C-alpha atoms as a PDB file:
ATOM      1  CA  PRO A   1       3.818  21.141 -27.628  1.00  0.00           C
ATOM      2  CA  LYS A   2       5.309  22.746 -30.784  1.00  0.00           C
ATOM      3  CA  GLY A   3       8.898  23.809 -30.394  1.00  0.00           C
ATOM      4  CA  LYS A   4       9.485  21.885 -27.232  1.00  0.00           C
ATOM      5  CA  GLU A   5       9.706  18.172 -27.020  1.00  0.00           C
ATOM      6  CA  SER A   6       7.744  16.970 -24.034  1.00  0.00           C
ATOM      7  CA  VAL A   7       8.561  13.360 -23.299  1.00  0.00           C
ATOM      8  CA  SER A   8       6.740  11.816 -20.465  1.00  0.00           C
ATOM      9  CA  SER A   9       8.482   8.596 -19.750  1.00  0.00           C
ATOM     10  CA  ILE A  10       6.764   5.567 -18.466  1.00  0.00           C
ATOM     11  CA  PRO A  11       8.738   3.713 -15.823  1.00  0.00           C
ATOM     12  CA  SER A  12      10.188   0.445 -16.855  1.00  0.00           C
ATOM     13  CA  PRO A  13       9.226  -2.757 -15.011  1.00  0.00           C
ATOM     14  CA  GLU A  14      12.701  -2.658 -13.342  1.00  0.00           C
ATOM     15  CA  GLU A  15      12.130   0.904 -12.044  1.00  0.00           C
ATOM     16  CA  ILE A  16       8.671  -0.100 -10.750  1.00  0.00           C
ATOM     17  CA  GLU A  17      10.159  -3.140  -9.050  1.00  0.00           C
ATOM     18  CA  LYS A  18      12.873  -1.081  -7.471  1.00  0.00           C
ATOM     19  CA  LEU A  19      10.438   1.490  -6.114  1.00  0.00           C
ATOM     20  CA  VAL A  20       8.052  -1.222  -4.780  1.00  0.00           C
ATOM     21  CA  CYS A  21      10.924  -3.019  -3.089  1.00  0.00           C
ATOM     22  CA  GLU A  22      12.270   0.184  -1.500  1.00  0.00           C
ATOM     23  CA  LEU A  23       8.749   0.896  -0.091  1.00  0.00           C
ATOM     24  CA  ALA A  24       8.231  -2.713   0.977  1.00  0.00           C
ATOM     25  CA  SER A  25      11.551  -2.821   2.839  1.00  0.00           C
ATOM     26  CA  SER A  26      10.562   0.294   4.876  1.00  0.00           C
ATOM     27  CA  GLU A  27       9.294  -0.726   8.250  1.00  0.00           C
ATOM     28  CA  MET A  28       7.588   2.658   8.785  1.00  0.00           C
ATOM     29  CA  VAL A  29       5.773   2.336   5.462  1.00  0.00           C
ATOM     30  CA  GLU A  30       4.803  -1.276   6.202  1.00  0.00           C
ATOM     31  CA  LYS A  31       3.279  -0.321   9.609  1.00  0.00           C
ATOM     32  CA  GLU A  32       1.348   2.685   8.201  1.00  0.00           C
ATOM     33  CA  ALA A  33       0.160   0.723   5.165  1.00  0.00           C
ATOM     34  CA  THR A  34      -0.954  -2.229   7.257  1.00  0.00           C
ATOM     35  CA  GLU A  35      -2.877   0.014   9.550  1.00  0.00           C
ATOM     36  CA  GLU A  36      -4.600   1.861   6.617  1.00  0.00           C
ATOM     37  CA  VAL A  37      -5.392  -1.350   4.711  1.00  0.00           C
ATOM     38  CA  CYS A  38      -6.935  -2.990   7.838  1.00  0.00           C
ATOM     39  CA  LYS A  39      -8.811   0.206   8.588  1.00  0.00           C
ATOM     40  CA  LEU A  40     -10.191   0.322   5.117  1.00  0.00           C
ATOM     41  CA  ILE A  41     -11.158  -3.383   5.154  1.00  0.00           C
ATOM     42  CA  LYS A  42     -12.952  -2.939   8.491  1.00  0.00           C
ATOM     43  CA  GLU A  43     -14.836   0.123   7.175  1.00  0.00           C
ATOM     44  CA  GLU A  44     -15.754  -1.217   3.690  1.00  0.00           C
ATOM     45  CA  PHE A  45     -16.168  -4.869   4.486  1.00  0.00           C
ATOM     46  CA  PRO A  46     -17.394  -5.108   8.081  1.00  0.00           C
ATOM     47  CA  SER A  47     -18.537  -8.724   7.594  1.00  0.00           C
ATOM     48  CA  ILE A  48     -15.016  -9.896   6.796  1.00  0.00           C
ATOM     49  CA  HIS A  49     -13.232 -11.327   9.839  1.00  0.00           C
ATOM     50  CA  MET A  50      -9.656 -12.537   9.242  1.00  0.00           C
ATOM     51  CA  GLN A  51      -8.028 -15.240  11.213  1.00  0.00           C
ATOM     52  CA  PRO A  52      -5.984 -14.644  13.275  1.00  0.00           C
ATOM     53  CA  ASP A  53      -6.496 -10.847  12.632  1.00  0.00           C
ATOM     54  CA  CYS A  54      -6.116  -8.335   9.810  1.00  0.00           C
ATOM     55  CA  GLU A  55      -2.742  -6.995  10.814  1.00  0.00           C
ATOM     56  CA  THR A  56      -1.220 -10.515  10.897  1.00  0.00           C
ATOM     57  CA  VAL A  57      -2.650 -11.420   7.432  1.00  0.00           C
ATOM     58  CA  VAL A  58      -1.541  -8.137   5.834  1.00  0.00           C
ATOM     59  CA  SER A  59       1.891  -8.385   7.424  1.00  0.00           C
ATOM     60  CA  ALA A  60       2.282 -11.918   6.026  1.00  0.00           C
ATOM     61  CA  LEU A  61       1.389 -10.606   2.535  1.00  0.00           C
ATOM     62  CA  TRP A  62       3.859  -7.813   2.974  1.00  0.00           C
ATOM     63  CA  ASP A  63       6.490 -10.337   3.848  1.00  0.00           C
ATOM     64  CA  GLU A  64       5.709 -12.246   0.624  1.00  0.00           C
ATOM     65  CA  ILE A  65       6.219  -9.054  -1.390  1.00  0.00           C
ATOM     66  CA  LYS A  66       9.512  -8.410   0.377  1.00  0.00           C
ATOM     67  CA  ALA A  67      10.574 -11.996  -0.376  1.00  0.00           C
ATOM     68  CA  LYS A  68      10.108 -11.394  -4.067  1.00  0.00           C
ATOM     69  CA  CYS A  69      12.460  -8.370  -4.067  1.00  0.00           C
ATOM     70  CA  PRO A  70      15.949  -8.917  -5.431  1.00  0.00           C
ATOM     71  CA  LYS A  71      18.938  -9.099  -3.126  1.00  0.00           C
ATOM     72  CA  GLY A  72      21.669  -6.928  -4.492  1.00  0.00           C
ATOM     73  CA  LYS A  73      21.694  -6.205  -8.168  1.00  0.00           C
ATOM     74  CA  GLU A  74      19.768  -9.110  -9.577  1.00  0.00           C
ATOM     75  CA  SER A  75      16.209  -8.585 -10.424  1.00  0.00           C
ATOM     76  CA  VAL A  76      13.110 -10.754 -10.276  1.00  0.00           C
ATOM     77  CA  LEU A  77      12.539  -9.601 -13.804  1.00  0.00           C
ATOM     78  CA  SER A  78      15.938 -10.594 -15.022  1.00  0.00           C
ATOM     79  CA  ILE A  79      16.149 -12.991 -17.948  1.00  0.00           C
ATOM     80  CA  PRO A  80      16.977 -16.588 -16.889  1.00  0.00           C
ATOM     81  CA  SER A  81      20.306 -17.939 -17.964  1.00  0.00           C
ATOM     82  CA  PRO A  82      20.496 -20.839 -20.392  1.00  0.00           C
ATOM     83  CA  ASP A  83      21.224 -23.058 -17.452  1.00  0.00           C
ATOM     84  CA  GLU A  84      17.980 -22.256 -15.762  1.00  0.00           C
END
């Protein structure tokens, strides 16, 4: 718009990582998301039968996401040091 600067900022990878990790670490979000994902899979792909069950598989994937989240201030996206 003329006269007003409208800047719509795109979140940085670090900001996206922080948001994803905050959501992933919430047990309430995990429970609700797992239920919704499994419900969707059962509705849209009725022929898919996961072993042992959908909730266990989705929970394991959720744990993998949480494991990639940084502990403290370091980021998964941080640049490796010369020693690495």
